[in-house]
Amino acid sequence: MSQSLVMVAVRDQEHVDELVKLACQLTKGTGAELLALSVAEIAPALPLDADSEILDRPRKDALDRAAKVAWDTFGIRARTRLIRAREAGPAIVDEAREQQAGILVLGYHGRLSIGEILLGSCVQYVAAHAPCRVILQIVPHSASHGSAWPDSPA
């Protein structure tokens, strides 16, 4: 697998900076491209192509922040990509495969909810199925207050 692409999965603006900085450090000196990805999880009751700015706005804001941090801090022009899916884990893995990512950076807040215990977590899914190396950035509990996907990319 080529390491010419570092992909960073972002969700909330509060965690973007640290994830993007780590991803940029991995690209520095290697000539690797940076792709910031965000997945808007759409409830089963709605079609994936539902026309609603409210569904995408938080993810777009996170991607805008990612591009700004990459440029302002490292002078790296990050590509951004927003996708919609029912579940973030499979969507992230599919995108990493399609983009031929060499490294995937994810945030993890380390909390387990009952849903994660019963159904598994996004991070566990990605770690088990990613076609590339996965690097986890641990988000401290104090910096995380339930806004990330359950046990998922911050």
N, C-alpha and C. Protein backbone atom coordinates (compact mmCIF):
# COMPACT_ATOMS: atom_id res chain seq x y z
N MET A 1 0.85 -1.18 0.00
CA MET A 1 0.00 0.00 0.00
C MET A 1 0.89 1.24 0.00
N SER A 2 0.59 2.15 -0.82
CA SER A 2 1.35 3.39 -0.93
C SER A 2 1.16 4.25 0.31
N GLN A 3 2.21 4.98 0.68
CA GLN A 3 2.09 5.92 1.78
C GLN A 3 2.09 7.34 1.25
N SER A 4 1.61 7.54 0.03
CA SER A 4 1.60 8.87 -0.54
C SER A 4 0.36 9.67 -0.15
N LEU A 5 -0.53 9.07 0.67
CA LEU A 5 -1.71 9.77 1.15
C LEU A 5 -1.90 9.49 2.63
N VAL A 6 -2.00 10.56 3.40
CA VAL A 6 -2.37 10.46 4.81
C VAL A 6 -3.80 10.97 4.90
N MET A 7 -4.68 10.15 5.43
CA MET A 7 -6.09 10.52 5.58
C MET A 7 -6.37 10.71 7.06
N VAL A 8 -7.04 11.80 7.41
CA VAL A 8 -7.43 12.07 8.78
C VAL A 8 -8.94 12.20 8.82
N ALA A 9 -9.57 11.42 9.70
CA ALA A 9 -11.02 11.47 9.85
C ALA A 9 -11.35 12.43 10.98
N VAL A 10 -12.17 13.43 10.68
CA VAL A 10 -12.56 14.44 11.67
C VAL A 10 -14.07 14.50 11.78
N ARG A 11 -14.52 14.90 12.94
CA ARG A 11 -15.95 15.04 13.15
C ARG A 11 -16.28 16.39 13.75
N ASP A 12 -15.73 16.69 14.91
CA ASP A 12 -16.07 17.91 15.63
C ASP A 12 -14.92 18.89 15.61
N GLN A 13 -15.26 20.17 15.51
CA GLN A 13 -14.23 21.20 15.45
C GLN A 13 -13.33 21.20 16.67
N GLU A 14 -13.86 20.81 17.84
CA GLU A 14 -13.05 20.87 19.05
C GLU A 14 -11.87 19.91 19.03
N HIS A 15 -11.90 18.88 18.19
CA HIS A 15 -10.81 17.91 18.14
C HIS A 15 -10.00 17.98 16.84
N VAL A 16 -10.41 18.82 15.95
CA VAL A 16 -9.77 18.89 14.63
C VAL A 16 -8.30 19.26 14.72
N ASP A 17 -7.98 20.28 15.49
CA ASP A 17 -6.61 20.80 15.51
C ASP A 17 -5.58 19.72 15.81
N GLU A 18 -5.79 18.99 16.90
CA GLU A 18 -4.79 17.99 17.29
C GLU A 18 -4.70 16.85 16.28
N LEU A 19 -5.81 16.45 15.70
CA LEU A 19 -5.78 15.37 14.71
C LEU A 19 -5.08 15.81 13.43
N VAL A 20 -5.40 17.01 12.97
CA VAL A 20 -4.80 17.51 11.73
C VAL A 20 -3.30 17.78 11.93
N LYS A 21 -2.93 18.29 13.07
CA LYS A 21 -1.50 18.53 13.33
C LYS A 21 -0.72 17.22 13.30
N LEU A 22 -1.27 16.17 13.89
CA LEU A 22 -0.61 14.87 13.84
C LEU A 22 -0.50 14.39 12.39
N ALA A 23 -1.60 14.49 11.64
CA ALA A 23 -1.59 14.05 10.24
C ALA A 23 -0.57 14.86 9.42
N CYS A 24 -0.50 16.16 9.67
CA CYS A 24 0.47 17.00 8.95
C CYS A 24 1.90 16.61 9.28
N GLN A 25 2.16 16.29 10.54
CA GLN A 25 3.50 15.86 10.92
C GLN A 25 3.89 14.58 10.19
N LEU A 26 2.92 13.72 9.94
CA LEU A 26 3.18 12.48 9.20
C LEU A 26 3.45 12.74 7.72
N THR A 27 2.91 13.82 7.18
CA THR A 27 3.13 14.13 5.77
C THR A 27 4.41 14.93 5.55
N LYS A 28 4.82 15.71 6.56
CA LYS A 28 5.98 16.58 6.40
C LYS A 28 7.21 15.77 6.01
N GLY A 29 7.90 16.22 5.01
CA GLY A 29 9.14 15.59 4.59
C GLY A 29 8.98 14.36 3.72
N THR A 30 7.76 13.88 3.58
CA THR A 30 7.55 12.68 2.77
C THR A 30 6.91 13.00 1.42
N GLY A 31 6.39 14.20 1.30
CA GLY A 31 5.69 14.56 0.07
C GLY A 31 4.30 13.96 -0.02
N ALA A 32 3.84 13.34 1.07
CA ALA A 32 2.51 12.73 1.07
C ALA A 32 1.43 13.81 1.00
N GLU A 33 0.34 13.45 0.39
CA GLU A 33 -0.82 14.32 0.30
C GLU A 33 -1.66 14.13 1.57
N LEU A 34 -2.41 15.17 1.94
CA LEU A 34 -3.28 15.09 3.11
C LEU A 34 -4.73 15.19 2.68
N LEU A 35 -5.53 14.25 3.16
CA LEU A 35 -6.97 14.26 2.91
C LEU A 35 -7.69 14.26 4.24
N ALA A 36 -8.50 15.28 4.49
CA ALA A 36 -9.35 15.33 5.68
C ALA A 36 -10.72 14.83 5.26
N LEU A 37 -11.20 13.84 5.99
CA LEU A 37 -12.48 13.19 5.70
C LEU A 37 -13.43 13.39 6.87
N SER A 38 -14.67 13.65 6.56
CA SER A 38 -15.69 13.68 7.60
C SER A 38 -16.91 12.93 7.08
N VAL A 39 -17.52 12.15 7.97
CA VAL A 39 -18.68 11.34 7.62
C VAL A 39 -19.90 11.89 8.35
N ALA A 40 -20.90 12.28 7.60
CA ALA A 40 -22.18 12.68 8.18
C ALA A 40 -23.03 11.42 8.27
N GLU A 41 -23.26 10.97 9.49
CA GLU A 41 -24.08 9.77 9.68
C GLU A 41 -25.55 10.16 9.56
N ILE A 42 -26.24 9.49 8.66
CA ILE A 42 -27.64 9.79 8.36
C ILE A 42 -28.51 8.68 8.92
N ALA A 43 -29.51 9.06 9.68
CA ALA A 43 -30.43 8.10 10.29
C ALA A 43 -31.16 7.30 9.21
N PRO A 44 -31.48 6.05 9.52
CA PRO A 44 -32.17 5.19 8.55
C PRO A 44 -33.50 5.77 8.04
N ALA A 45 -34.13 6.62 8.82
CA ALA A 45 -35.41 7.20 8.42
C ALA A 45 -35.28 8.21 7.29
N LEU A 46 -34.06 8.68 7.04
CA LEU A 46 -33.82 9.67 5.99
C LEU A 46 -33.05 9.06 4.83
N PRO A 47 -33.33 9.52 3.62
CA PRO A 47 -32.51 9.06 2.49
C PRO A 47 -31.11 9.67 2.59
N LEU A 48 -30.11 8.94 2.12
CA LEU A 48 -28.74 9.44 2.18
C LEU A 48 -28.55 10.75 1.42
N ASP A 49 -29.38 10.96 0.41
CA ASP A 49 -29.25 12.19 -0.38
C ASP A 49 -30.25 13.27 0.04
N ALA A 50 -30.77 13.18 1.26
CA ALA A 50 -31.71 14.18 1.76
C ALA A 50 -31.08 15.57 1.64
N ASP A 51 -31.85 16.51 1.18
CA ASP A 51 -31.36 17.87 0.98
C ASP A 51 -31.58 18.67 2.26
N SER A 52 -30.55 18.67 3.10
CA SER A 52 -30.67 19.40 4.36
C SER A 52 -29.29 19.89 4.79
N GLU A 53 -29.14 21.18 4.81
CA GLU A 53 -27.88 21.79 5.22
C GLU A 53 -27.56 21.44 6.68
N ILE A 54 -28.59 21.24 7.47
CA ILE A 54 -28.38 20.93 8.89
C ILE A 54 -27.66 19.60 9.08
N LEU A 55 -27.83 18.67 8.14
CA LEU A 55 -27.15 17.37 8.23
C LEU A 55 -25.65 17.49 7.98
N ASP A 56 -25.28 18.37 7.08
CA ASP A 56 -23.89 18.48 6.65
C ASP A 56 -23.10 19.60 7.33
N ARG A 57 -23.76 20.63 7.81
CA ARG A 57 -23.05 21.82 8.30
C ARG A 57 -21.98 21.52 9.34
N PRO A 58 -22.25 20.72 10.39
CA PRO A 58 -21.18 20.47 11.37
C PRO A 58 -19.95 19.80 10.75
N ARG A 59 -20.17 18.90 9.81
CA ARG A 59 -19.04 18.21 9.16
C ARG A 59 -18.29 19.17 8.24
N LYS A 60 -19.03 20.01 7.51
CA LYS A 60 -18.38 21.01 6.65
C LYS A 60 -17.53 21.97 7.48
N ASP A 61 -18.06 22.38 8.62
CA ASP A 61 -17.30 23.27 9.50
C ASP A 61 -16.01 22.59 9.99
N ALA A 62 -16.10 21.31 10.33
CA ALA A 62 -14.91 20.58 10.78
C ALA A 62 -13.89 20.47 9.65
N LEU A 63 -14.36 20.24 8.43
CA LEU A 63 -13.45 20.15 7.29
C LEU A 63 -12.81 21.49 6.97
N ASP A 64 -13.60 22.57 7.07
CA ASP A 64 -13.04 23.91 6.86
C ASP A 64 -11.94 24.19 7.88
N ARG A 65 -12.20 23.80 9.12
CA ARG A 65 -11.21 23.99 10.18
C ARG A 65 -9.96 23.16 9.90
N ALA A 66 -10.15 21.93 9.45
CA ALA A 66 -9.01 21.05 9.13
C ALA A 66 -8.12 21.67 8.06
N ALA A 67 -8.73 22.18 7.00
CA ALA A 67 -7.96 22.80 5.92
C ALA A 67 -7.21 24.03 6.42
N LYS A 68 -7.87 24.81 7.27
CA LYS A 68 -7.24 26.02 7.81
C LYS A 68 -6.05 25.67 8.70
N VAL A 69 -6.21 24.69 9.58
CA VAL A 69 -5.11 24.30 10.47
C VAL A 69 -3.93 23.77 9.66
N ALA A 70 -4.20 22.94 8.66
CA ALA A 70 -3.12 22.38 7.84
C ALA A 70 -2.35 23.50 7.13
N TRP A 71 -3.06 24.47 6.59
CA TRP A 71 -2.40 25.55 5.86
C TRP A 71 -1.69 26.52 6.81
N ASP A 72 -2.42 26.98 7.84
CA ASP A 72 -1.86 27.99 8.74
C ASP A 72 -0.68 27.46 9.55
N THR A 73 -0.73 26.21 9.95
CA THR A 73 0.30 25.67 10.83
C THR A 73 1.47 25.04 10.08
N PHE A 74 1.18 24.38 8.94
CA PHE A 74 2.22 23.62 8.24
C PHE A 74 2.42 24.03 6.78
N GLY A 75 1.56 24.91 6.27
CA GLY A 75 1.65 25.28 4.87
C GLY A 75 1.27 24.15 3.93
N ILE A 76 0.42 23.26 4.42
CA ILE A 76 -0.02 22.10 3.62
C ILE A 76 -1.45 22.34 3.15
N ARG A 77 -1.66 22.17 1.86
CA ARG A 77 -3.00 22.27 1.31
C ARG A 77 -3.67 20.89 1.43
N ALA A 78 -4.63 20.82 2.31
CA ALA A 78 -5.35 19.56 2.53
C ALA A 78 -6.56 19.49 1.61
N ARG A 79 -6.73 18.34 0.99
CA ARG A 79 -7.99 18.07 0.29
C ARG A 79 -9.01 17.73 1.36
N THR A 80 -10.26 18.06 1.13
CA THR A 80 -11.32 17.70 2.08
C THR A 80 -12.39 16.91 1.36
N ARG A 81 -13.03 16.03 2.11
CA ARG A 81 -14.08 15.21 1.53
C ARG A 81 -15.14 14.93 2.59
N LEU A 82 -16.37 15.24 2.25
CA LEU A 82 -17.52 14.95 3.10
C LEU A 82 -18.32 13.85 2.44
N ILE A 83 -18.61 12.81 3.21
CA ILE A 83 -19.46 11.75 2.68
C ILE A 83 -20.59 11.49 3.66
N ARG A 84 -21.67 10.98 3.16
CA ARG A 84 -22.81 10.60 3.98
C ARG A 84 -22.90 9.08 4.01
N ALA A 85 -23.24 8.57 5.19
CA ALA A 85 -23.33 7.12 5.34
C ALA A 85 -24.22 6.82 6.53
N ARG A 86 -24.64 5.56 6.62
CA ARG A 86 -25.42 5.11 7.78
C ARG A 86 -24.50 4.91 8.99
N GLU A 87 -23.28 4.42 8.74
CA GLU A 87 -22.32 4.17 9.81
C GLU A 87 -20.96 4.72 9.39
N ALA A 88 -20.29 5.36 10.33
CA ALA A 88 -19.00 5.98 10.03
C ALA A 88 -17.90 4.96 9.76
N GLY A 89 -17.81 3.91 10.55
CA GLY A 89 -16.71 2.94 10.43
C GLY A 89 -16.55 2.38 9.03
N PRO A 90 -17.59 1.73 8.50
CA PRO A 90 -17.47 1.19 7.14
C PRO A 90 -17.20 2.27 6.09
N ALA A 91 -17.78 3.45 6.28
CA ALA A 91 -17.56 4.53 5.32
C ALA A 91 -16.10 4.98 5.32
N ILE A 92 -15.50 5.06 6.49
CA ILE A 92 -14.09 5.46 6.59
C ILE A 92 -13.20 4.41 5.94
N VAL A 93 -13.46 3.15 6.21
CA VAL A 93 -12.67 2.06 5.62
C VAL A 93 -12.82 2.07 4.10
N ASP A 94 -14.03 2.20 3.61
CA ASP A 94 -14.25 2.24 2.16
C ASP A 94 -13.50 3.40 1.51
N GLU A 95 -13.55 4.54 2.16
CA GLU A 95 -12.87 5.72 1.61
C GLU A 95 -11.36 5.55 1.64
N ALA A 96 -10.83 4.97 2.71
CA ALA A 96 -9.39 4.72 2.79
C ALA A 96 -8.96 3.78 1.67
N ARG A 97 -9.77 2.78 1.40
CA ARG A 97 -9.47 1.83 0.32
C ARG A 97 -9.54 2.54 -1.04
N GLU A 98 -10.61 3.28 -1.26
CA GLU A 98 -10.80 3.96 -2.55
C GLU A 98 -9.70 4.99 -2.81
N GLN A 99 -9.30 5.71 -1.77
CA GLN A 99 -8.28 6.76 -1.91
C GLN A 99 -6.86 6.20 -1.85
N GLN A 100 -6.74 4.91 -1.56
CA GLN A 100 -5.44 4.25 -1.42
C GLN A 100 -4.58 4.93 -0.36
N ALA A 101 -5.19 5.18 0.79
CA ALA A 101 -4.48 5.81 1.89
C ALA A 101 -3.37 4.89 2.40
N GLY A 102 -2.25 5.49 2.77
CA GLY A 102 -1.16 4.74 3.37
C GLY A 102 -1.25 4.76 4.88
N ILE A 103 -1.78 5.87 5.41
CA ILE A 103 -1.96 6.04 6.85
C ILE A 103 -3.31 6.70 7.08
N LEU A 104 -4.00 6.26 8.12
CA LEU A 104 -5.29 6.82 8.52
C LEU A 104 -5.18 7.26 9.97
N VAL A 105 -5.49 8.52 10.24
CA VAL A 105 -5.43 9.08 11.59
C VAL A 105 -6.85 9.24 12.10
N LEU A 106 -7.10 8.71 13.30
CA LEU A 106 -8.42 8.79 13.93
C LEU A 106 -8.28 9.29 15.36
N GLY A 107 -9.33 9.90 15.87
CA GLY A 107 -9.40 10.26 17.28
C GLY A 107 -10.18 9.21 18.03
N TYR A 108 -9.83 9.06 19.31
CA TYR A 108 -10.51 8.07 20.15
C TYR A 108 -10.64 8.66 21.54
N HIS A 109 -11.85 8.66 22.07
CA HIS A 109 -12.04 9.25 23.40
C HIS A 109 -12.01 8.23 24.52
N GLY A 110 -11.99 6.94 24.21
CA GLY A 110 -11.78 5.92 25.22
C GLY A 110 -12.95 5.57 26.10
N ARG A 111 -14.11 6.12 25.85
CA ARG A 111 -15.28 5.78 26.66
C ARG A 111 -16.07 4.69 25.98
N LEU A 112 -16.67 3.84 26.75
CA LEU A 112 -17.54 2.79 26.22
C LEU A 112 -18.97 3.02 26.67
N SER A 113 -19.87 3.06 25.72
CA SER A 113 -21.29 3.14 26.05
C SER A 113 -21.87 1.73 25.92
N ILE A 114 -23.08 1.55 26.36
CA ILE A 114 -23.72 0.24 26.25
C ILE A 114 -23.86 -0.17 24.78
N GLY A 115 -24.12 0.80 23.90
CA GLY A 115 -24.23 0.50 22.47
C GLY A 115 -22.93 -0.03 21.90
N GLU A 116 -21.81 0.53 22.35
CA GLU A 116 -20.51 0.08 21.88
C GLU A 116 -20.19 -1.32 22.37
N ILE A 117 -20.59 -1.59 23.61
CA ILE A 117 -20.35 -2.92 24.16
C ILE A 117 -21.14 -3.96 23.36
N LEU A 118 -22.39 -3.63 23.03
CA LEU A 118 -23.25 -4.57 22.32
C LEU A 118 -22.96 -4.64 20.82
N LEU A 119 -22.67 -3.50 20.22
CA LEU A 119 -22.55 -3.44 18.75
C LEU A 119 -21.13 -3.24 18.25
N GLY A 120 -20.20 -2.91 19.12
CA GLY A 120 -18.85 -2.61 18.67
C GLY A 120 -18.70 -1.13 18.41
N SER A 121 -17.50 -0.71 18.11
CA SER A 121 -17.25 0.72 17.93
C SER A 121 -16.72 1.01 16.54
N CYS A 122 -16.82 2.27 16.19
CA CYS A 122 -16.28 2.75 14.92
C CYS A 122 -14.78 2.48 14.85
N VAL A 123 -14.06 2.84 15.90
CA VAL A 123 -12.61 2.66 15.91
C VAL A 123 -12.24 1.19 15.82
N GLN A 124 -12.95 0.34 16.54
CA GLN A 124 -12.69 -1.10 16.46
C GLN A 124 -12.91 -1.59 15.04
N TYR A 125 -13.99 -1.13 14.41
CA TYR A 125 -14.27 -1.56 13.04
C TYR A 125 -13.15 -1.11 12.10
N VAL A 126 -12.78 0.15 12.21
CA VAL A 126 -11.74 0.68 11.33
C VAL A 126 -10.42 -0.05 11.55
N ALA A 127 -10.05 -0.24 12.80
CA ALA A 127 -8.79 -0.93 13.10
C ALA A 127 -8.77 -2.35 12.54
N ALA A 128 -9.91 -3.01 12.56
CA ALA A 128 -9.98 -4.39 12.09
C ALA A 128 -10.06 -4.51 10.57
N HIS A 129 -10.54 -3.47 9.89
CA HIS A 129 -10.81 -3.59 8.45
C HIS A 129 -10.04 -2.63 7.55
N ALA A 130 -9.32 -1.67 8.12
CA ALA A 130 -8.63 -0.67 7.30
C ALA A 130 -7.57 -1.33 6.41
N PRO A 131 -7.44 -0.83 5.18
CA PRO A 131 -6.45 -1.37 4.25
C PRO A 131 -5.07 -0.74 4.42
N CYS A 132 -4.88 0.00 5.53
CA CYS A 132 -3.63 0.73 5.73
C CYS A 132 -3.34 0.80 7.22
N ARG A 133 -2.23 1.44 7.55
CA ARG A 133 -1.89 1.65 8.95
C ARG A 133 -2.90 2.64 9.56
N VAL A 134 -3.25 2.39 10.81
CA VAL A 134 -4.18 3.27 11.54
C VAL A 134 -3.45 3.81 12.75
N ILE A 135 -3.48 5.13 12.92
CA ILE A 135 -2.88 5.78 14.07
C ILE A 135 -4.00 6.46 14.85
N LEU A 136 -4.08 6.13 16.14
CA LEU A 136 -5.10 6.71 17.01
C LEU A 136 -4.53 7.84 17.83
N GLN A 137 -5.23 8.94 17.87
CA GLN A 137 -4.90 10.07 18.74
C GLN A 137 -5.91 10.00 19.89
N ILE A 138 -5.43 9.77 21.10
CA ILE A 138 -6.31 9.67 22.25
C ILE A 138 -6.74 11.08 22.65
N VAL A 139 -8.05 11.28 22.71
CA VAL A 139 -8.62 12.56 23.13
C VAL A 139 -8.94 12.44 24.61
N PRO A 140 -8.33 13.28 25.45
CA PRO A 140 -8.58 13.18 26.89
C PRO A 140 -10.06 13.29 27.23
N HIS A 141 -10.46 12.58 28.27
CA HIS A 141 -11.87 12.62 28.70
C HIS A 141 -12.34 14.04 28.96
N SER A 142 -11.51 14.87 29.54
CA SER A 142 -11.91 16.23 29.85
C SER A 142 -12.17 17.06 28.60
N ALA A 143 -11.52 16.69 27.49
CA ALA A 143 -11.72 17.42 26.24
C ALA A 143 -12.86 16.84 25.42
N SER A 144 -13.41 15.74 25.86
CA SER A 144 -14.45 15.07 25.10
C SER A 144 -15.71 15.00 25.95
N HIS A 145 -16.79 15.59 25.45
CA HIS A 145 -18.03 15.52 26.19
C HIS A 145 -19.16 15.04 25.30
N GLY A 146 -19.00 13.82 24.81
CA GLY A 146 -20.09 13.16 24.11
C GLY A 146 -20.36 13.64 22.70
N SER A 147 -19.48 14.42 22.11
CA SER A 147 -19.79 14.96 20.81
C SER A 147 -19.22 14.15 19.65
N ALA A 148 -18.36 13.20 19.94
CA ALA A 148 -17.79 12.38 18.87
C ALA A 148 -18.68 11.19 18.61
N TRP A 149 -18.47 10.56 17.45
CA TRP A 149 -19.17 9.30 17.21
C TRP A 149 -18.88 8.43 18.41
N PRO A 150 -19.76 7.57 18.81
CA PRO A 150 -19.43 6.70 19.92
C PRO A 150 -18.12 5.98 19.63
N ASP A 151 -17.16 6.22 20.49
CA ASP A 151 -15.87 5.53 20.40
C ASP A 151 -15.28 5.67 19.00
N SER A 152 -15.27 6.89 18.49
CA SER A 152 -14.93 7.04 17.09
C SER A 152 -14.09 8.26 16.81
N PRO A 153 -13.82 8.49 15.52
CA PRO A 153 -12.98 9.63 15.15
C PRO A 153 -13.51 10.91 15.74
N ALA A 154 -12.68 11.56 16.48
CA ALA A 154 -13.10 12.80 17.13
C ALA A 154 -13.23 13.92 16.14
